[in-house]
Amino acid sequence: MKSLSLYAVFAYMFLHVPLLILAAFSFNSSRFTVWEGFSLRWYRAAFADAQLGEAAWNSLVIAVAATVVSTVIGTFCAYGLWKRSAPVLAGSLYLSLVTPEIVTGVSLLAFYQAIFRFLHLQLGMHTVILAHVAFCIAYVVIVVMARLRTVDAQLEEAALDLGANEWQAFRYVTLPAILPGVVSAALLAFTVSFDDYVITSLVAGVDSETLPMVIYAVARRGVNPMLNAISALIVFGLGALILISERLQARPAA
């Protein structure tokens, strides 16, 4: 047991110590990796940068829109799979999770080009949102399905026997029981959408740059301590959402 504990400690250190170092140097007054004193200059610079502000707003709009749409669709898909057993269809959901993002992005780009050629549309925020909905749905379905497996199906059957229709049984019996799982799935979808770079960079238009895209472009031009501040905010902000998601998913069904 002691060796397993040590292994776990070293594994967590390997994963998280670089993030802690990044966060620490985001408060360094120097442009280089030599500590010269505590300062918030890089946070002020990040919040004052107009390009970063616009990209952050685009990321928020895209993530919120994709989260709402994928959560609604994914919840109903999970409910349908729970009511009607379809192991092949349920198993195919994992295909989108193991497919390399570059393959997904190229296939979506080819699909958009084929469709938009006839509709005379261009790449933009709408294409990014649709792409994010496409890969977020699988996360939502998997999380909500896991929650549904803890729900007693006889509760819904009892509601139907007492005169409720199928929608009322879902609305007043099943949905409250799985609500923590739905919220957990939404938080996970938001995190995945906000953090995506590869697929977004392939389907985004000139007016729909997201925060990961701008961060990558700035990083390619050279060392910029402002990226430490932005990265620290993203890591700890999205990390908090993941922890909340895990806590909600672990709550027992009502």
Protein backbone atom coordinates (compact mmCIF):
# COMPACT_ATOMS: atom_id res chain seq x y z
CA MET A 1 0.00 0.00 0.00
CA LYS A 2 2.84 2.39 0.80
CA SER A 3 4.42 1.81 -2.62
CA LEU A 4 1.09 2.50 -4.31
CA SER A 5 0.74 5.74 -2.36
CA LEU A 6 4.24 6.82 -3.42
CA TYR A 7 3.43 5.95 -7.03
CA ALA A 8 0.27 8.05 -6.85
CA VAL A 9 2.18 10.99 -5.36
CA PHE A 10 4.84 10.90 -8.09
CA ALA A 11 2.17 10.53 -10.80
CA TYR A 12 0.29 13.59 -9.54
CA MET A 13 3.52 15.55 -9.19
CA PHE A 14 4.47 14.70 -12.77
CA LEU A 15 1.08 15.93 -13.98
CA HIS A 16 0.59 19.01 -11.82
CA VAL A 17 3.97 20.42 -10.78
CA PRO A 18 4.57 21.96 -14.26
CA LEU A 19 1.18 23.68 -13.98
CA LEU A 20 2.05 25.03 -10.55
CA ILE A 21 5.38 26.34 -11.86
CA LEU A 22 3.57 28.01 -14.76
CA ALA A 23 1.13 29.63 -12.33
CA ALA A 24 3.99 30.81 -10.09
CA PHE A 25 5.89 32.44 -12.97
CA SER A 26 2.70 34.19 -14.09
CA PHE A 27 3.33 36.45 -11.05
CA ASN A 28 6.99 37.02 -11.93
CA SER A 29 7.89 40.59 -12.86
CA SER A 30 10.61 39.37 -15.23
CA ARG A 31 10.05 38.35 -18.85
CA PHE A 32 12.33 35.37 -18.31
CA THR A 33 12.34 32.29 -16.07
CA VAL A 34 14.38 34.08 -13.39
CA TRP A 35 12.39 35.21 -10.39
CA GLU A 36 12.75 38.97 -9.87
CA GLY A 37 9.74 39.72 -7.72
CA PHE A 38 5.98 39.41 -7.35
CA SER A 39 3.96 41.34 -9.91
CA LEU A 40 0.54 41.34 -11.58
CA ARG A 41 1.85 43.07 -14.72
CA TRP A 42 1.23 40.07 -16.98
CA TYR A 43 -2.37 39.71 -15.79
CA ARG A 44 -2.94 43.41 -16.42
CA ALA A 45 -1.36 43.04 -19.85
CA ALA A 46 -3.58 40.05 -20.65
CA PHE A 47 -6.79 41.84 -19.64
CA ALA A 48 -5.74 44.96 -21.58
CA ASP A 49 -5.03 43.07 -24.83
CA ALA A 50 -7.89 43.68 -27.28
CA GLN A 51 -7.16 40.60 -29.40
CA LEU A 52 -7.19 38.33 -26.36
CA GLY A 53 -10.40 39.94 -25.14
CA GLU A 54 -12.16 39.35 -28.44
CA ALA A 55 -10.87 35.78 -28.64
CA ALA A 56 -11.98 35.07 -25.07
CA TRP A 57 -15.46 36.41 -25.86
CA ASN A 58 -15.65 34.23 -28.97
CA SER A 59 -14.61 31.20 -26.93
CA LEU A 60 -17.26 31.91 -24.30
CA VAL A 61 -20.02 32.40 -26.88
CA ILE A 62 -19.06 29.24 -28.75
CA ALA A 63 -18.68 27.17 -25.57
CA VAL A 64 -22.00 28.33 -24.07
CA ALA A 65 -23.92 27.78 -27.33
CA ALA A 66 -22.34 24.38 -27.93
CA THR A 67 -22.93 23.37 -24.30
CA VAL A 68 -26.63 24.28 -24.34
CA VAL A 69 -27.35 22.56 -27.66
CA SER A 70 -25.26 19.45 -27.01
CA THR A 71 -26.64 19.05 -23.48
CA VAL A 72 -30.25 19.13 -24.66
CA ILE A 73 -29.63 16.79 -27.60
CA GLY A 74 -27.29 14.52 -25.66
CA THR A 75 -29.67 14.17 -22.70
CA PHE A 76 -32.54 13.10 -24.91
CA CYS A 77 -30.23 10.74 -26.83
CA ALA A 78 -29.09 9.15 -23.57
CA TYR A 79 -32.69 8.84 -22.41
CA GLY A 80 -33.66 7.18 -25.67
CA LEU A 81 -30.78 4.70 -25.44
CA TRP A 82 -31.76 3.97 -21.84
CA LYS A 83 -35.37 3.29 -22.79
CA ARG A 84 -34.58 1.30 -25.94
CA SER A 85 -31.50 -0.88 -25.69
CA ALA A 86 -29.18 -0.29 -28.66
CA PRO A 87 -25.70 -1.59 -27.74
CA VAL A 88 -24.23 -1.03 -31.22
CA LEU A 89 -25.44 2.57 -31.35
CA ALA A 90 -24.32 3.23 -27.79
CA GLY A 91 -20.90 1.71 -28.49
CA SER A 92 -20.46 3.84 -31.60
CA LEU A 93 -20.48 6.95 -29.41
CA TYR A 94 -16.98 6.07 -28.26
CA LEU A 95 -15.78 6.22 -31.87
CA SER A 96 -15.87 10.01 -31.82
CA LEU A 97 -13.81 10.02 -28.62
CA VAL A 98 -11.01 7.85 -30.00
CA THR A 99 -10.96 9.41 -33.48
CA PRO A 100 -7.96 11.79 -33.79
CA GLU A 101 -9.06 15.43 -33.69
CA ILE A 102 -7.25 16.20 -36.94
CA VAL A 103 -9.34 13.54 -38.71
CA THR A 104 -12.56 14.93 -37.22
CA GLY A 105 -11.58 18.47 -38.17
CA VAL A 106 -10.67 17.61 -41.76
CA SER A 107 -13.87 15.61 -42.23
CA LEU A 108 -15.99 18.46 -40.86
CA LEU A 109 -14.19 20.96 -43.09
CA ALA A 110 -14.81 18.80 -46.16
CA PHE A 111 -18.47 18.45 -45.16
CA TYR A 112 -18.86 22.21 -44.73
CA GLN A 113 -17.19 22.95 -48.05
CA ALA A 114 -19.48 20.50 -49.84
CA ILE A 115 -22.64 21.90 -48.23
CA PHE A 116 -21.73 25.58 -48.26
CA ARG A 117 -20.84 25.46 -51.95
CA PHE A 118 -24.56 25.23 -52.63
CA LEU A 119 -25.72 27.52 -49.80
CA HIS A 120 -23.13 30.24 -50.54
CA LEU A 121 -22.05 30.45 -46.90
CA GLN A 122 -18.62 31.00 -45.38
CA LEU A 123 -16.80 29.59 -42.38
CA GLY A 124 -17.47 31.50 -39.17
CA MET A 125 -18.82 31.26 -35.64
CA HIS A 126 -21.73 29.10 -36.81
CA THR A 127 -19.44 26.43 -38.24
CA VAL A 128 -17.35 26.34 -35.05
CA ILE A 129 -20.48 25.98 -32.90
CA LEU A 130 -21.82 23.15 -35.08
CA ALA A 131 -18.45 21.39 -34.94
CA HIS A 132 -18.30 21.71 -31.15
CA VAL A 133 -21.85 20.41 -30.81
CA ALA A 134 -20.87 17.41 -32.92
CA PHE A 135 -18.08 16.25 -30.61
CA CYS A 136 -19.62 17.44 -27.32
CA ILE A 137 -22.77 15.33 -27.76
CA ALA A 138 -20.79 12.11 -27.20
CA TYR A 139 -19.46 13.38 -23.86
CA VAL A 140 -22.93 14.39 -22.74
CA VAL A 141 -24.52 11.08 -23.73
CA ILE A 142 -21.85 9.02 -21.97
CA VAL A 143 -22.07 11.01 -18.72
CA VAL A 144 -25.89 11.11 -18.67
CA MET A 145 -26.10 7.40 -19.55
CA ALA A 146 -23.89 6.61 -16.56
CA ARG A 147 -26.30 8.57 -14.38
CA LEU A 148 -29.36 6.90 -15.87
CA ARG A 149 -27.99 3.47 -14.97
CA THR A 150 -28.37 4.42 -11.31
CA VAL A 151 -32.07 5.31 -11.72
CA ASP A 152 -34.77 2.74 -10.97
CA ALA A 153 -36.85 2.40 -14.15
CA GLN A 154 -39.82 1.26 -12.04
CA LEU A 155 -40.25 4.81 -10.72
CA GLU A 156 -41.14 6.03 -14.20
CA GLU A 157 -43.39 3.02 -14.77
CA ALA A 158 -45.21 3.85 -11.52
CA ALA A 159 -45.76 7.42 -12.71
CA LEU A 160 -47.23 6.10 -15.98
CA ASP A 161 -49.54 3.76 -14.03
CA LEU A 162 -50.74 6.75 -11.98
CA GLY A 163 -51.87 8.62 -15.08
CA ALA A 164 -48.83 10.60 -16.20
CA ASN A 165 -47.93 10.62 -19.88
CA GLU A 166 -44.38 9.86 -21.08
CA TRP A 167 -43.30 13.51 -21.10
CA GLN A 168 -44.63 14.12 -17.58
CA ALA A 169 -42.94 10.96 -16.31
CA PHE A 170 -39.64 12.14 -17.75
CA ARG A 171 -40.11 15.76 -16.62
CA TYR A 172 -41.17 15.11 -13.03
CA VAL A 173 -39.57 11.75 -12.21
CA THR A 174 -36.53 10.93 -14.33
CA LEU A 175 -35.12 14.39 -15.02
CA PRO A 176 -34.86 15.45 -11.34
CA ALA A 177 -33.08 12.16 -10.60
CA ILE A 178 -30.50 12.64 -13.35
CA LEU A 179 -30.17 16.43 -13.06
CA PRO A 180 -26.77 16.31 -11.30
CA GLY A 181 -25.51 14.13 -14.15
CA VAL A 182 -26.93 16.53 -16.75
CA VAL A 183 -25.24 19.51 -15.08
CA SER A 184 -22.02 17.52 -14.81
CA ALA A 185 -22.21 16.67 -18.52
CA ALA A 186 -22.84 20.34 -19.37
CA LEU A 187 -19.77 21.45 -17.39
CA LEU A 188 -17.65 18.82 -19.11
CA ALA A 189 -18.97 19.86 -22.54
CA PHE A 190 -18.20 23.51 -21.76
CA THR A 191 -14.64 22.60 -20.73
CA VAL A 192 -14.00 20.49 -23.83
CA SER A 193 -15.48 23.14 -26.13
CA PHE A 194 -13.62 26.08 -24.57
CA ASP A 195 -10.31 24.21 -24.66
CA ASP A 196 -10.47 22.86 -28.23
CA TYR A 197 -7.85 24.01 -30.72
CA VAL A 198 -7.31 21.47 -33.52
CA ILE A 199 -10.89 21.13 -34.79
CA THR A 200 -11.61 24.82 -34.22
CA SER A 201 -8.58 25.97 -36.20
CA LEU A 202 -9.79 23.98 -39.21
CA VAL A 203 -13.42 25.14 -39.26
CA ALA A 204 -13.09 28.72 -37.97
CA GLY A 205 -13.41 31.79 -40.18
CA VAL A 206 -11.36 34.96 -40.07
CA ASP A 207 -13.78 36.55 -37.59
CA SER A 208 -14.08 33.60 -35.23
CA GLU A 209 -10.66 33.19 -33.62
CA THR A 210 -10.88 31.54 -30.22
CA LEU A 211 -8.62 31.95 -27.21
CA PRO A 212 -6.63 28.71 -27.79
CA MET A 213 -5.99 29.82 -31.39
CA VAL A 214 -4.67 33.23 -30.31
CA ILE A 215 -2.55 31.68 -27.54
CA TYR A 216 -0.97 29.29 -30.04
CA ALA A 217 -0.28 32.14 -32.49
CA VAL A 218 1.34 34.27 -29.77
CA ALA A 219 3.42 31.33 -28.51
CA ARG A 220 4.81 30.69 -31.99
CA ARG A 221 6.18 34.25 -32.12
CA GLY A 222 8.35 33.67 -29.06
CA VAL A 223 8.32 33.65 -25.27
CA ASN A 224 5.61 35.89 -23.85
CA PRO A 225 5.03 35.84 -20.06
CA MET A 226 1.48 37.04 -20.68
CA LEU A 227 0.73 33.49 -21.81
CA ASN A 228 1.63 32.25 -18.33
CA ALA A 229 -1.13 34.41 -16.86
CA ILE A 230 -3.70 33.36 -19.46
CA SER A 231 -2.78 29.69 -19.15
CA ALA A 232 -2.99 29.83 -15.35
CA LEU A 233 -6.48 31.35 -15.53
CA ILE A 234 -7.63 28.72 -18.02
CA VAL A 235 -6.10 25.76 -16.16
CA PHE A 236 -7.49 26.68 -12.75
CA GLY A 237 -10.81 27.93 -14.09
CA LEU A 238 -11.53 24.83 -16.16
CA GLY A 239 -10.02 22.63 -13.45
CA ALA A 240 -12.59 23.99 -11.00
CA LEU A 241 -15.37 23.14 -13.46
CA ILE A 242 -14.06 19.59 -13.80
CA LEU A 243 -13.97 19.14 -10.02
CA ILE A 244 -17.53 20.45 -9.72
CA SER A 245 -18.58 18.11 -12.53
CA GLU A 246 -17.05 15.12 -10.75
CA ARG A 247 -18.72 16.03 -7.45
CA LEU A 248 -22.12 16.35 -9.13
CA GLN A 249 -21.70 13.07 -10.99
CA ALA A 250 -20.83 11.29 -7.74
CA ARG A 251 -23.99 12.47 -5.94
CA PRO A 252 -26.44 9.63 -5.30
CA ALA A 253 -29.63 9.57 -7.32
CA ALA A 254 -32.70 10.89 -5.54
